[in-house]
C-alpha atoms as a PDB file:
ATOM      1  CA  MET A   1     -20.971  13.662  -5.166  1.00  0.00           C
ATOM      2  CA  ALA A   2     -18.808  13.636  -8.318  1.00  0.00           C
ATOM      3  CA  GLU A   3     -17.819  10.318  -9.834  1.00  0.00           C
ATOM      4  CA  GLY A   4     -14.288   9.121 -10.467  1.00  0.00           C
ATOM      5  CA  GLY A   5     -12.703   8.895  -7.047  1.00  0.00           C
ATOM      6  CA  ARG A   6     -10.665   5.758  -6.508  1.00  0.00           C
ATOM      7  CA  LEU A   7      -7.550   4.570  -4.726  1.00  0.00           C
ATOM      8  CA  THR A   8      -5.181   1.955  -6.136  1.00  0.00           C
ATOM      9  CA  THR A   9      -1.705   0.663  -5.340  1.00  0.00           C
ATOM     10  CA  HIS A  10       0.871  -1.805  -6.531  1.00  0.00           C
ATOM     11  CA  VAL A  11       4.137  -3.104  -5.099  1.00  0.00           C
ATOM     12  CA  LEU A  12       7.371  -3.788  -6.970  1.00  0.00           C
ATOM     13  CA  ASP A  13      10.322  -5.627  -5.451  1.00  0.00           C
ATOM     14  CA  THR A  14      13.333  -3.661  -6.690  1.00  0.00           C
ATOM     15  CA  ALA A  15      15.785  -6.282  -5.362  1.00  0.00           C
ATOM     16  CA  THR A  16      14.356  -8.965  -7.663  1.00  0.00           C
ATOM     17  CA  GLY A  17      12.956  -6.720 -10.371  1.00  0.00           C
ATOM     18  CA  LYS A  18       9.561  -8.425 -10.061  1.00  0.00           C
ATOM     19  CA  PRO A  19       6.094  -7.612  -8.766  1.00  0.00           C
ATOM     20  CA  ALA A  20       5.692  -8.317  -5.033  1.00  0.00           C
ATOM     21  CA  ALA A  21       3.038 -11.040  -5.074  1.00  0.00           C
ATOM     22  CA  GLY A  22       1.258 -12.008  -1.859  1.00  0.00           C
ATOM     23  CA  LEU A  23       2.208  -8.891   0.107  1.00  0.00           C
ATOM     24  CA  SER A  24      -0.362  -7.962   2.757  1.00  0.00           C
ATOM     25  CA  ILE A  25      -1.679  -4.378   2.800  1.00  0.00           C
ATOM     26  CA  SER A  26      -3.914  -2.706   5.391  1.00  0.00           C
ATOM     27  CA  LEU A  27      -5.825   0.482   4.608  1.00  0.00           C
ATOM     28  CA  PHE A  28      -6.710   2.914   7.393  1.00  0.00           C
ATOM     29  CA  ARG A  29      -8.699   6.159   7.422  1.00  0.00           C
ATOM     30  CA  ILE A  30      -7.266   8.787   9.773  1.00  0.00           C
ATOM     31  CA  GLU A  31      -9.848  10.802  11.690  1.00  0.00           C
ATOM     32  CA  GLY A  32      -8.174  13.099  14.216  1.00  0.00           C
ATOM     33  CA  GLU A  33      -6.260  10.810  16.553  1.00  0.00           C
ATOM     34  CA  ALA A  34      -8.257   7.743  15.438  1.00  0.00           C
ATOM     35  CA  ARG A  35      -6.909   5.250  12.917  1.00  0.00           C
ATOM     36  CA  LEU A  36      -9.805   3.206  11.500  1.00  0.00           C
ATOM     37  CA  LEU A  37      -9.082  -0.048   9.660  1.00  0.00           C
ATOM     38  CA  LEU A  38     -11.077  -0.127   6.412  1.00  0.00           C
ATOM     39  CA  LYS A  39      -9.723  -3.297   4.798  1.00  0.00           C
ATOM     40  CA  ARG A  40      -6.892  -5.778   4.417  1.00  0.00           C
ATOM     41  CA  VAL A  41      -5.884  -7.157   1.044  1.00  0.00           C
ATOM     42  CA  SER A  42      -2.977  -9.012  -0.563  1.00  0.00           C
ATOM     43  CA  THR A  43      -1.283  -8.299  -3.852  1.00  0.00           C
ATOM     44  CA  ASN A  44      -1.833 -10.630  -6.786  1.00  0.00           C
ATOM     45  CA  ALA A  45       0.822 -12.123  -9.092  1.00  0.00           C
ATOM     46  CA  ASP A  46       1.205  -8.724 -10.783  1.00  0.00           C
ATOM     47  CA  GLY A  47       1.872  -6.982  -7.446  1.00  0.00           C
ATOM     48  CA  ARG A  48      -1.517  -5.250  -7.664  1.00  0.00           C
ATOM     49  CA  CYS A  49      -4.808  -5.552  -5.843  1.00  0.00           C
ATOM     50  CA  ASP A  50      -7.632  -7.282  -7.693  1.00  0.00           C
ATOM     51  CA  ALA A  51      -9.875  -4.226  -7.240  1.00  0.00           C
ATOM     52  CA  PRO A  52      -9.430  -0.584  -6.214  1.00  0.00           C
ATOM     53  CA  LEU A  53      -8.925  -0.142  -2.488  1.00  0.00           C
ATOM     54  CA  LEU A  54     -11.592   2.565  -2.534  1.00  0.00           C
ATOM     55  CA  SER A  55     -14.043   3.522  -5.247  1.00  0.00           C
ATOM     56  CA  GLY A  56     -17.607   4.686  -5.732  1.00  0.00           C
ATOM     57  CA  ASP A  57     -19.427   5.436  -2.470  1.00  0.00           C
ATOM     58  CA  GLU A  58     -16.488   4.038  -0.444  1.00  0.00           C
ATOM     59  CA  PHE A  59     -14.259   6.837  -1.712  1.00  0.00           C
ATOM     60  CA  VAL A  60     -14.228   9.794   0.677  1.00  0.00           C
ATOM     61  CA  THR A  61     -11.645  12.569   0.607  1.00  0.00           C
ATOM     62  CA  GLY A  62      -9.451  12.820   3.689  1.00  0.00           C
ATOM     63  CA  GLU A  63      -6.319  11.409   5.263  1.00  0.00           C
ATOM     64  CA  TYR A  64      -5.409   7.735   4.867  1.00  0.00           C
ATOM     65  CA  GLU A  65      -2.623   5.303   5.630  1.00  0.00           C
ATOM     66  CA  LEU A  66      -1.505   2.239   3.711  1.00  0.00           C
ATOM     67  CA  VAL A  67       0.501  -0.241   5.784  1.00  0.00           C
ATOM     68  CA  PHE A  68       2.581  -2.728   3.805  1.00  0.00           C
ATOM     69  CA  ALA A  69       3.840  -5.941   5.478  1.00  0.00           C
ATOM     70  CA  ALA A  70       7.183  -5.830   3.655  1.00  0.00           C
ATOM     71  CA  GLY A  71       9.114  -7.914   6.192  1.00  0.00           C
ATOM     72  CA  ASP A  72       6.676 -10.842   6.008  1.00  0.00           C
ATOM     73  CA  TYR A  73       6.882 -10.746   2.210  1.00  0.00           C
ATOM     74  CA  LEU A  74      10.700 -10.654   2.194  1.00  0.00           C
ATOM     75  CA  ARG A  75      11.015 -13.460   4.756  1.00  0.00           C
ATOM     76  CA  ARG A  76       8.612 -15.612   2.718  1.00  0.00           C
ATOM     77  CA  LEU A  77      10.982 -15.220  -0.249  1.00  0.00           C
ATOM     78  CA  GLY A  78      13.820 -16.524   1.904  1.00  0.00           C
ATOM     79  CA  THR A  79      15.519 -13.149   2.272  1.00  0.00           C
ATOM     80  CA  GLU A  80      17.786 -13.150   5.309  1.00  0.00           C
ATOM     81  CA  LEU A  81      16.889 -10.139   7.413  1.00  0.00           C
ATOM     82  CA  PRO A  82      18.615  -8.959  10.588  1.00  0.00           C
ATOM     83  CA  GLN A  83      16.696  -9.005  13.856  1.00  0.00           C
ATOM     84  CA  PRO A  84      15.080  -6.605  14.014  1.00  0.00           C
ATOM     85  CA  ALA A  85      14.663  -6.126  10.276  1.00  0.00           C
ATOM     86  CA  PHE A  86      15.626  -2.715   8.928  1.00  0.00           C
ATOM     87  CA  LEU A  87      12.245  -2.556   7.145  1.00  0.00           C
ATOM     88  CA  ASP A  88       9.371  -4.655   8.403  1.00  0.00           C
ATOM     89  CA  ILE A  89       6.157  -2.651   8.377  1.00  0.00           C
ATOM     90  CA  VAL A  90       6.094   0.238   5.869  1.00  0.00           C
ATOM     91  CA  PRO A  91       3.397   2.860   6.568  1.00  0.00           C
ATOM     92  CA  ILE A  92       2.553   5.530   4.006  1.00  0.00           C
ATOM     93  CA  ARG A  93       0.257   8.323   5.191  1.00  0.00           C
ATOM     94  CA  PHE A  94      -1.252  10.574   2.539  1.00  0.00           C
ATOM     95  CA  GLY A  95      -4.182  12.857   1.846  1.00  0.00           C
ATOM     96  CA  MET A  96      -6.779  12.732  -0.905  1.00  0.00           C
ATOM     97  CA  ALA A  97      -8.272  16.200  -1.434  1.00  0.00           C
ATOM     98  CA  GLU A  98     -10.479  15.614  -4.474  1.00  0.00           C
ATOM     99  CA  ARG A  99     -12.490  12.862  -6.149  1.00  0.00           C
ATOM    100  CA  THR A 100     -10.022  11.626  -8.719  1.00  0.00           C
ATOM    101  CA  HIS A 101      -7.728   8.625  -9.177  1.00  0.00           C
ATOM    102  CA  TYR A 102      -5.017   8.352  -6.530  1.00  0.00           C
ATOM    103  CA  HIS A 103      -2.407   5.677  -7.198  1.00  0.00           C
ATOM    104  CA  VAL A 104       0.077   5.100  -4.357  1.00  0.00           C
ATOM    105  CA  PRO A 105       2.694   2.535  -5.418  1.00  0.00           C
ATOM    106  CA  LEU A 106       5.469   1.107  -3.265  1.00  0.00           C
ATOM    107  CA  LEU A 107       8.929   0.103  -4.480  1.00  0.00           C
ATOM    108  CA  ILE A 108      10.673  -2.049  -1.879  1.00  0.00           C
ATOM    109  CA  SER A 109      13.915  -3.844  -1.121  1.00  0.00           C
ATOM    110  CA  PRO A 110      15.251  -5.115   2.221  1.00  0.00           C
ATOM    111  CA  TYR A 111      16.969  -1.785   2.940  1.00  0.00           C
ATOM    112  CA  GLY A 112      14.917   0.871   1.207  1.00  0.00           C
ATOM    113  CA  TYR A 113      11.607   1.923  -0.215  1.00  0.00           C
ATOM    114  CA  SER A 114      10.062   4.744  -2.198  1.00  0.00           C
ATOM    115  CA  THR A 115       6.617   5.898  -3.147  1.00  0.00           C
ATOM    116  CA  TYR A 116       5.046   8.611  -5.248  1.00  0.00           C
ATOM    117  CA  ARG A 117       1.660   9.686  -6.521  1.00  0.00           C
ATOM    118  CA  GLY A 118       1.283   7.675  -9.675  1.00  0.00           C
ATOM    119  CA  SER A 119      -1.339   7.617 -12.380  1.00  0.00           C
END
């Protein structure tokens, strides 16, 4: 197996212009119809995870899903959200086809989000 595969993320709050600290993220591997929870982490003060979500032997090519608890984060900041919130849980499903660095950031606000394959 070639070295170098890893998965990272970070979250920026575009409404405040700051990193989204303390936002909960769940990582799932998709296998057919199954959705297998691999880990749950929270972002640090810089809106990043303290370590790659996957690296080394943990890194396997395939289909994955990151699930960001955006609503919990926004409510904790005191953001008034309607019931139900427009954005609460933000899932991002993506594929990793080769052993390289995949960076999947999330930019959030109460009424929108975006993502991209970063570096």
